[in-house]
PDB file of N, CA and C in Angstrom:
ATOM      1  N   PHE A   1     -65.534 153.709 -79.313  1.00  0.00           N
ATOM      2  CA  PHE A   1     -65.347 155.118 -79.595  1.00  0.00           C
ATOM      3  C   PHE A   1     -64.272 155.743 -78.714  1.00  0.00           C
ATOM      4  N   ASP A   2     -64.076 155.175 -77.522  1.00  0.00           N
ATOM      5  CA  ASP A   2     -63.067 155.710 -76.620  1.00  0.00           C
ATOM      6  C   ASP A   2     -61.655 155.581 -77.186  1.00  0.00           C
ATOM      7  N   ARG A   3     -61.424 154.616 -78.043  1.00  0.00           N
ATOM      8  CA  ARG A   3     -60.078 154.332 -78.543  1.00  0.00           C
ATOM      9  C   ARG A   3     -59.811 154.883 -79.942  1.00  0.00           C
ATOM     10  N   VAL A   4     -60.754 155.578 -80.531  1.00  0.00           N
ATOM     11  CA  VAL A   4     -60.578 156.069 -81.893  1.00  0.00           C
ATOM     12  C   VAL A   4     -59.349 156.977 -82.004  1.00  0.00           C
ATOM     13  N   GLY A   5     -59.089 157.798 -81.009  1.00  0.00           N
ATOM     14  CA  GLY A   5     -57.937 158.688 -81.050  1.00  0.00           C
ATOM     15  C   GLY A   5     -56.615 157.957 -81.120  1.00  0.00           C
ATOM     16  N   VAL A   6     -56.558 156.779 -80.528  1.00  0.00           N
ATOM     17  CA  VAL A   6     -55.331 155.984 -80.558  1.00  0.00           C
ATOM     18  C   VAL A   6     -55.025 155.536 -81.982  1.00  0.00           C
ATOM     19  N   TRP A   7     -56.031 155.304 -82.762  1.00  0.00           N
ATOM     20  CA  TRP A   7     -55.858 154.775 -84.118  1.00  0.00           C
ATOM     21  C   TRP A   7     -55.769 155.866 -85.179  1.00  0.00           C
ATOM     22  N   ARG A   8     -55.671 157.123 -84.797  1.00  0.00           N
ATOM     23  CA  ARG A   8     -55.689 158.179 -85.817  1.00  0.00           C
ATOM     24  C   ARG A   8     -54.480 158.135 -86.734  1.00  0.00           C
ATOM     25  N   ASN A   9     -53.332 157.657 -86.235  1.00  0.00           N
ATOM     26  CA  ASN A   9     -52.153 157.464 -87.090  1.00  0.00           C
ATOM     27  C   ASN A   9     -51.201 156.487 -86.410  1.00  0.00           C
ATOM     28  N   GLU A  10     -50.192 156.093 -87.156  1.00  0.00           N
ATOM     29  CA  GLU A  10     -49.244 155.094 -86.653  1.00  0.00           C
ATOM     30  C   GLU A  10     -48.523 155.576 -85.397  1.00  0.00           C
ATOM     31  N   LEU A  11     -48.130 156.835 -85.385  1.00  0.00           N
ATOM     32  CA  LEU A  11     -47.396 157.367 -84.240  1.00  0.00           C
ATOM     33  C   LEU A  11     -48.246 157.349 -82.976  1.00  0.00           C
ATOM     34  N   SER A  12     -49.477 157.797 -83.056  1.00  0.00           N
ATOM     35  CA  SER A  12     -50.324 157.800 -81.860  1.00  0.00           C
ATOM     36  C   SER A  12     -50.594 156.377 -81.375  1.00  0.00           C
ATOM     37  N   PHE A  13     -50.742 155.446 -82.312  1.00  0.00           N
ATOM     38  CA  PHE A  13     -50.958 154.045 -81.935  1.00  0.00           C
ATOM     39  C   PHE A  13     -49.759 153.489 -81.162  1.00  0.00           C
ATOM     40  N   TRP A  14     -48.539 153.696 -81.691  1.00  0.00           N
ATOM     41  CA  TRP A  14     -47.351 153.141 -81.035  1.00  0.00           C
ATOM     42  C   TRP A  14     -47.001 153.873 -79.749  1.00  0.00           C
ATOM     43  N   GLN A  15     -47.291 155.159 -79.671  1.00  0.00           N
ATOM     44  CA  GLN A  15     -47.094 155.879 -78.410  1.00  0.00           C
ATOM     45  C   GLN A  15     -47.956 155.257 -77.313  1.00  0.00           C
ATOM     46  N   ASP A  16     -49.207 155.008 -77.639  1.00  0.00           N
ATOM     47  CA  ASP A  16     -50.129 154.401 -76.678  1.00  0.00           C
ATOM     48  C   ASP A  16     -49.685 152.989 -76.304  1.00  0.00           C
ATOM     49  N   THR A  17     -49.293 152.213 -77.310  1.00  0.00           N
ATOM     50  CA  THR A  17     -48.866 150.829 -77.064  1.00  0.00           C
ATOM     51  C   THR A  17     -47.615 150.787 -76.194  1.00  0.00           C
ATOM     52  N   ALA A  18     -46.628 151.617 -76.502  1.00  0.00           N
ATOM     53  CA  ALA A  18     -45.386 151.631 -75.723  1.00  0.00           C
ATOM     54  C   ALA A  18     -45.627 152.122 -74.298  1.00  0.00           C
ATOM     55  N   ARG A  19     -46.520 153.078 -74.144  1.00  0.00           N
ATOM     56  CA  ARG A  19     -46.838 153.588 -72.808  1.00  0.00           C
ATOM     57  C   ARG A  19     -47.498 152.497 -71.956  1.00  0.00           C
ATOM     58  N   LYS A  20     -48.346 151.691 -72.590  1.00  0.00           N
ATOM     59  CA  LYS A  20     -49.062 150.645 -71.862  1.00  0.00           C
ATOM     60  C   LYS A  20     -48.260 149.356 -71.714  1.00  0.00           C
ATOM     61  N   SER A  21     -47.230 149.186 -72.536  1.00  0.00           N
ATOM     62  CA  SER A  21     -46.388 147.979 -72.488  1.00  0.00           C
ATOM     63  C   SER A  21     -44.918 148.374 -72.549  1.00  0.00           C
ATOM     64  N   PRO A  22     -44.433 149.097 -71.544  1.00  0.00           N
ATOM     65  CA  PRO A  22     -43.058 149.618 -71.604  1.00  0.00           C
ATOM     66  C   PRO A  22     -41.975 148.544 -71.633  1.00  0.00           C
ATOM     67  N   GLY A  23     -42.287 147.337 -71.225  1.00  0.00           N
ATOM     68  CA  GLY A  23     -41.301 146.266 -71.209  1.00  0.00           C
ATOM     69  C   GLY A  23     -41.270 145.430 -72.477  1.00  0.00           C
ATOM     70  N   GLN A  24     -42.016 145.816 -73.489  1.00  0.00           N
ATOM     71  CA  GLN A  24     -42.070 145.071 -74.740  1.00  0.00           C
ATOM     72  C   GLN A  24     -41.145 145.709 -75.778  1.00  0.00           C
ATOM     73  N   ASP A  25     -40.123 144.983 -76.170  1.00  0.00           N
ATOM     74  CA  ASP A  25     -39.157 145.538 -77.110  1.00  0.00           C
ATOM     75  C   ASP A  25     -39.774 145.897 -78.459  1.00  0.00           C
ATOM     76  N   LYS A  26     -40.705 145.103 -78.942  1.00  0.00           N
ATOM     77  CA  LYS A  26     -41.318 145.386 -80.249  1.00  0.00           C
ATOM     78  C   LYS A  26     -42.129 146.671 -80.213  1.00  0.00           C
ATOM     79  N   ALA A  27     -42.780 146.955 -79.103  1.00  0.00           N
ATOM     80  CA  ALA A  27     -43.529 148.209 -78.990  1.00  0.00           C
ATOM     81  C   ALA A  27     -42.572 149.393 -79.073  1.00  0.00           C
ATOM     82  N   GLN A  28     -41.446 149.312 -78.377  1.00  0.00           N
ATOM     83  CA  GLN A  28     -40.459 150.392 -78.415  1.00  0.00           C
ATOM     84  C   GLN A  28     -39.817 150.509 -79.793  1.00  0.00           C
ATOM     85  N   LEU A  29     -39.548 149.380 -80.407  1.00  0.00           N
ATOM     86  CA  LEU A  29     -38.946 149.363 -81.740  1.00  0.00           C
ATOM     87  C   LEU A  29     -39.878 150.022 -82.760  1.00  0.00           C
ATOM     88  N   ASN A  30     -41.141 149.656 -82.719  1.00  0.00           N
ATOM     89  CA  ASN A  30     -42.108 150.243 -83.651  1.00  0.00           C
ATOM     90  C   ASN A  30     -42.368 151.711 -83.353  1.00  0.00           C
ATOM     91  N   LEU A  31     -42.324 152.091 -82.088  1.00  0.00           N
ATOM     92  CA  LEU A  31     -42.446 153.497 -81.739  1.00  0.00           C
ATOM     93  C   LEU A  31     -41.264 154.277 -82.308  1.00  0.00           C
ATOM     94  N   GLY A  32     -40.079 153.732 -82.175  1.00  0.00           N
ATOM     95  CA  GLY A  32     -38.900 154.374 -82.735  1.00  0.00           C
ATOM     96  C   GLY A  32     -39.026 154.552 -84.233  1.00  0.00           C
ATOM     97  N   TYR A  33     -39.514 153.548 -84.909  1.00  0.00           N
ATOM     98  CA  TYR A  33     -39.692 153.628 -86.356  1.00  0.00           C
ATOM     99  C   TYR A  33     -40.723 154.701 -86.720  1.00  0.00           C
ATOM    100  N   ALA A  34     -41.813 154.755 -85.973  1.00  0.00           N
ATOM    101  CA  ALA A  34     -42.843 155.768 -86.244  1.00  0.00           C
ATOM    102  C   ALA A  34     -42.278 157.174 -86.049  1.00  0.00           C
ATOM    103  N   TYR A  35     -41.497 157.363 -84.991  1.00  0.00           N
ATOM    104  CA  TYR A  35     -40.845 158.664 -84.782  1.00  0.00           C
ATOM    105  C   TYR A  35     -39.887 158.972 -85.925  1.00  0.00           C
ATOM    106  N   GLU A  36     -39.112 157.972 -86.331  1.00  0.00           N
ATOM    107  CA  GLU A  36     -38.145 158.179 -87.398  1.00  0.00           C
ATOM    108  C   GLU A  36     -38.839 158.583 -88.697  1.00  0.00           C
ATOM    109  N   MET A  37     -39.927 157.922 -89.025  1.00  0.00           N
ATOM    110  CA  MET A  37     -40.658 158.250 -90.243  1.00  0.00           C
ATOM    111  C   MET A  37     -41.289 159.646 -90.166  1.00  0.00           C
ATOM    112  N   ALA A  38     -41.524 160.119 -88.952  1.00  0.00           N
ATOM    113  CA  ALA A  38     -42.073 161.466 -88.759  1.00  0.00           C
ATOM    114  C   ALA A  38     -40.968 162.523 -88.712  1.00  0.00           C
ATOM    115  N   GLY A  39     -39.709 162.089 -88.838  1.00  0.00           N
ATOM    116  CA  GLY A  39     -38.588 163.026 -88.797  1.00  0.00           C
ATOM    117  C   GLY A  39     -38.214 163.461 -87.398  1.00  0.00           C
ATOM    118  N   ARG A  40     -38.679 162.750 -86.399  1.00  0.00           N
ATOM    119  CA  ARG A  40     -38.404 163.075 -85.001  1.00  0.00           C
ATOM    120  C   ARG A  40     -37.298 162.146 -84.496  1.00  0.00           C
ATOM    121  N   PHE A  41     -36.076 162.416 -84.978  1.00  0.00           N
ATOM    122  CA  PHE A  41     -34.966 161.486 -84.806  1.00  0.00           C
ATOM    123  C   PHE A  41     -34.492 161.333 -83.361  1.00  0.00           C
ATOM    124  N   GLU A  42     -34.483 162.398 -82.583  1.00  0.00           N
ATOM    125  CA  GLU A  42     -34.045 162.291 -81.189  1.00  0.00           C
ATOM    126  C   GLU A  42     -35.011 161.409 -80.386  1.00  0.00           C
ATOM    127  N   GLU A  43     -36.301 161.544 -80.660  1.00  0.00           N
ATOM    128  CA  GLU A  43     -37.278 160.695 -79.984  1.00  0.00           C
ATOM    129  C   GLU A  43     -37.171 159.258 -80.461  1.00  0.00           C
ATOM    130  N   ALA A  44     -36.881 159.080 -81.742  1.00  0.00           N
ATOM    131  CA  ALA A  44     -36.662 157.737 -82.277  1.00  0.00           C
ATOM    132  C   ALA A  44     -35.479 157.079 -81.590  1.00  0.00           C
ATOM    133  N   GLU A  45     -34.421 157.854 -81.402  1.00  0.00           N
ATOM    134  CA  GLU A  45     -33.235 157.322 -80.728  1.00  0.00           C
ATOM    135  C   GLU A  45     -33.581 156.826 -79.333  1.00  0.00           C
ATOM    136  N   LYS A  46     -34.341 157.586 -78.589  1.00  0.00           N
ATOM    137  CA  LYS A  46     -34.728 157.177 -77.221  1.00  0.00           C
ATOM    138  C   LYS A  46     -35.531 155.883 -77.238  1.00  0.00           C
ATOM    139  N   ALA A  47     -36.457 155.779 -78.179  1.00  0.00           N
ATOM    140  CA  ALA A  47     -37.268 154.563 -78.265  1.00  0.00           C
ATOM    141  C   ALA A  47     -36.412 153.364 -78.666  1.00  0.00           C
ATOM    142  N   TYR A  48     -35.479 153.560 -79.605  1.00  0.00           N
ATOM    143  CA  TYR A  48     -34.590 152.469 -80.002  1.00  0.00           C
ATOM    144  C   TYR A  48     -33.677 152.056 -78.853  1.00  0.00           C
ATOM    145  N   ILE A  49     -33.209 153.012 -78.083  1.00  0.00           N
ATOM    146  CA  ILE A  49     -32.388 152.681 -76.907  1.00  0.00           C
ATOM    147  C   ILE A  49     -33.191 151.830 -75.939  1.00  0.00           C
ATOM    148  N   ALA A  50     -34.453 152.204 -75.735  1.00  0.00           N
ATOM    149  CA  ALA A  50     -35.321 151.408 -74.853  1.00  0.00           C
ATOM    150  C   ALA A  50     -35.489 149.994 -75.400  1.00  0.00           C
ATOM    151  N   ALA A  51     -35.680 149.869 -76.702  1.00  0.00           N
ATOM    152  CA  ALA A  51     -35.836 148.541 -77.307  1.00  0.00           C
ATOM    153  C   ALA A  51     -34.572 147.705 -77.127  1.00  0.00           C
ATOM    154  N   VAL A  52     -33.420 148.304 -77.366  1.00  0.00           N
ATOM    155  CA  VAL A  52     -32.141 147.594 -77.224  1.00  0.00           C
ATOM    156  C   VAL A  52     -31.917 147.182 -75.777  1.00  0.00           C
ATOM    157  N   SER A  53     -32.293 148.032 -74.836  1.00  0.00           N
ATOM    158  CA  SER A  53     -32.087 147.693 -73.422  1.00  0.00           C
ATOM    159  C   SER A  53     -32.981 146.534 -72.981  1.00  0.00           C
ATOM    160  N   ILE A  54     -34.124 146.373 -73.634  1.00  0.00           N
ATOM    161  CA  ILE A  54     -35.027 145.262 -73.307  1.00  0.00           C
ATOM    162  C   ILE A  54     -34.535 143.980 -73.972  1.00  0.00           C
ATOM    163  N   TYR A  55     -34.233 144.085 -75.267  1.00  0.00           N
ATOM    164  CA  TYR A  55     -33.746 142.932 -76.025  1.00  0.00           C
ATOM    165  C   TYR A  55     -32.915 143.447 -77.203  1.00  0.00           C
ATOM    166  N   PRO A  56     -31.615 143.242 -77.171  1.00  0.00           N
ATOM    167  CA  PRO A  56     -30.735 143.805 -78.199  1.00  0.00           C
ATOM    168  C   PRO A  56     -30.754 143.019 -79.518  1.00  0.00           C
ATOM    169  N   SER A  57     -31.888 143.029 -80.179  1.00  0.00           N
ATOM    170  CA  SER A  57     -31.992 142.336 -81.466  1.00  0.00           C
ATOM    171  C   SER A  57     -31.163 143.069 -82.515  1.00  0.00           C
ATOM    172  N   GLN A  58     -30.821 142.365 -83.566  1.00  0.00           N
ATOM    173  CA  GLN A  58     -30.051 142.963 -84.648  1.00  0.00           C
ATOM    174  C   GLN A  58     -30.822 144.125 -85.272  1.00  0.00           C
ATOM    175  N   GLU A  59     -32.122 143.978 -85.398  1.00  0.00           N
ATOM    176  CA  GLU A  59     -32.951 145.035 -85.984  1.00  0.00           C
ATOM    177  C   GLU A  59     -32.922 146.298 -85.131  1.00  0.00           C
ATOM    178  N   ALA A  60     -33.062 146.131 -83.824  1.00  0.00           N
ATOM    179  CA  ALA A  60     -33.075 147.295 -82.927  1.00  0.00           C
ATOM    180  C   ALA A  60     -31.720 148.006 -82.934  1.00  0.00           C
ATOM    181  N   VAL A  61     -30.648 147.252 -82.875  1.00  0.00           N
ATOM    182  CA  VAL A  61     -29.303 147.838 -82.880  1.00  0.00           C
ATOM    183  C   VAL A  61     -29.042 148.549 -84.205  1.00  0.00           C
ATOM    184  N   SER A  62     -29.434 147.931 -85.302  1.00  0.00           N
ATOM    185  CA  SER A  62     -29.248 148.526 -86.619  1.00  0.00           C
ATOM    186  C   SER A  62     -30.050 149.821 -86.762  1.00  0.00           C
ATOM    187  N   ASN A  63     -31.301 149.804 -86.325  1.00  0.00           N
ATOM    188  CA  ASN A  63     -32.129 151.008 -86.399  1.00  0.00           C
ATOM    189  C   ASN A  63     -31.548 152.127 -85.538  1.00  0.00           C
ATOM    190  N   LEU A  64     -31.043 151.780 -84.370  1.00  0.00           N
ATOM    191  CA  LEU A  64     -30.418 152.768 -83.496  1.00  0.00           C
ATOM    192  C   LEU A  64     -29.200 153.379 -84.179  1.00  0.00           C
ATOM    193  N   ASP A  65     -28.367 152.550 -84.772  1.00  0.00           N
ATOM    194  CA  ASP A  65     -27.184 153.058 -85.481  1.00  0.00           C
ATOM    195  C   ASP A  65     -27.579 153.991 -86.625  1.00  0.00           C
ATOM    196  N   MET A  66     -28.594 153.606 -87.381  1.00  0.00           N
ATOM    197  CA  MET A  66     -29.004 154.415 -88.535  1.00  0.00           C
ATOM    198  C   MET A  66     -29.588 155.759 -88.107  1.00  0.00           C
ATOM    199  N   VAL A  67     -30.384 155.761 -87.051  1.00  0.00           N
ATOM    200  CA  VAL A  67     -30.971 157.039 -86.626  1.00  0.00           C
ATOM    201  C   VAL A  67     -29.889 157.932 -86.029  1.00  0.00           C
ATOM    202  N   ARG A  68     -28.893 157.347 -85.387  1.00  0.00           N
ATOM    203  CA  ARG A  68     -27.785 158.153 -84.874  1.00  0.00           C
ATOM    204  C   ARG A  68     -26.980 158.768 -86.016  1.00  0.00           C
ATOM    205  N   GLU A  69     -26.849 158.059 -87.121  1.00  0.00           N
ATOM    206  CA  GLU A  69     -26.192 158.633 -88.298  1.00  0.00           C
ATOM    207  C   GLU A  69     -26.991 159.819 -88.819  1.00  0.00           C
ATOM    208  N   LYS A  70     -28.301 159.694 -88.847  1.00  0.00           N
ATOM    209  CA  LYS A  70     -29.155 160.799 -89.308  1.00  0.00           C
ATOM    210  C   LYS A  70     -29.021 162.004 -88.384  1.00  0.00           C
ATOM    211  N   ILE A  71     -28.997 161.753 -87.084  1.00  0.00           N
ATOM    212  CA  ILE A  71     -28.849 162.847 -86.124  1.00  0.00           C
ATOM    213  C   ILE A  71     -27.506 163.534 -86.332  1.00  0.00           C
ATOM    214  N   GLY A  72     -26.446 162.760 -86.499  1.00  0.00           N
ATOM    215  CA  GLY A  72     -25.115 163.318 -86.725  1.00  0.00           C
ATOM    216  C   GLY A  72     -25.045 164.116 -88.019  1.00  0.00           C
ATOM    217  N   TYR A  73     -25.676 163.612 -89.050  1.00  0.00           N
ATOM    218  CA  TYR A  73     -25.695 164.297 -90.335  1.00  0.00           C
ATOM    219  C   TYR A  73     -26.396 165.650 -90.197  1.00  0.00           C
ATOM    220  N   LEU A  74     -27.520 165.669 -89.510  1.00  0.00           N
ATOM    221  CA  LEU A  74     -28.258 166.917 -89.344  1.00  0.00           C
ATOM    222  C   LEU A  74     -27.473 167.918 -88.500  1.00  0.00           C
ATOM    223  N   LYS A  75     -26.767 167.431 -87.475  1.00  0.00           N
ATOM    224  CA  LYS A  75     -25.962 168.323 -86.639  1.00  0.00           C
ATOM    225  C   LYS A  75     -24.813 168.913 -87.441  1.00  0.00           C
ATOM    226  N   ASP A  76     -24.235 168.130 -88.329  1.00  0.00           N
ATOM    227  CA  ASP A  76     -23.134 168.623 -89.168  1.00  0.00           C
ATOM    228  C   ASP A  76     -23.614 169.701 -90.142  1.00  0.00           C
ATOM    229  N   LYS A  77     -24.864 169.629 -90.539  1.00  0.00           N
ATOM    230  CA  LYS A  77     -25.430 170.592 -91.490  1.00  0.00           C
ATOM    231  C   LYS A  77     -25.779 171.930 -90.831  1.00  0.00           C
ATOM    232  N   ARG A  78     -25.865 171.963 -89.516  1.00  0.00           N
ATOM    233  CA  ARG A  78     -26.254 173.195 -88.816  1.00  0.00           C
ATOM    234  C   ARG A  78     -25.122 174.156 -88.691  1.00  0.00           C
TER     235      ARG A  78
END
């Protein structure tokens, strides 16, 4: 019962996982994806940067590039 709050949604799960395993690239990558799906692009960018700094996989670099494009697009619209 103590952990039910962690499982309430994907974002809360990955926030908890990344906080407890900050050196795991997959935790940061999945956290970035959860932020991105929630429309929280600046936070997604930070998580993707953390993932790339741990292990620069093609997936992490690609996700970082894509979220930066979204951030740039939104800034251009303002």
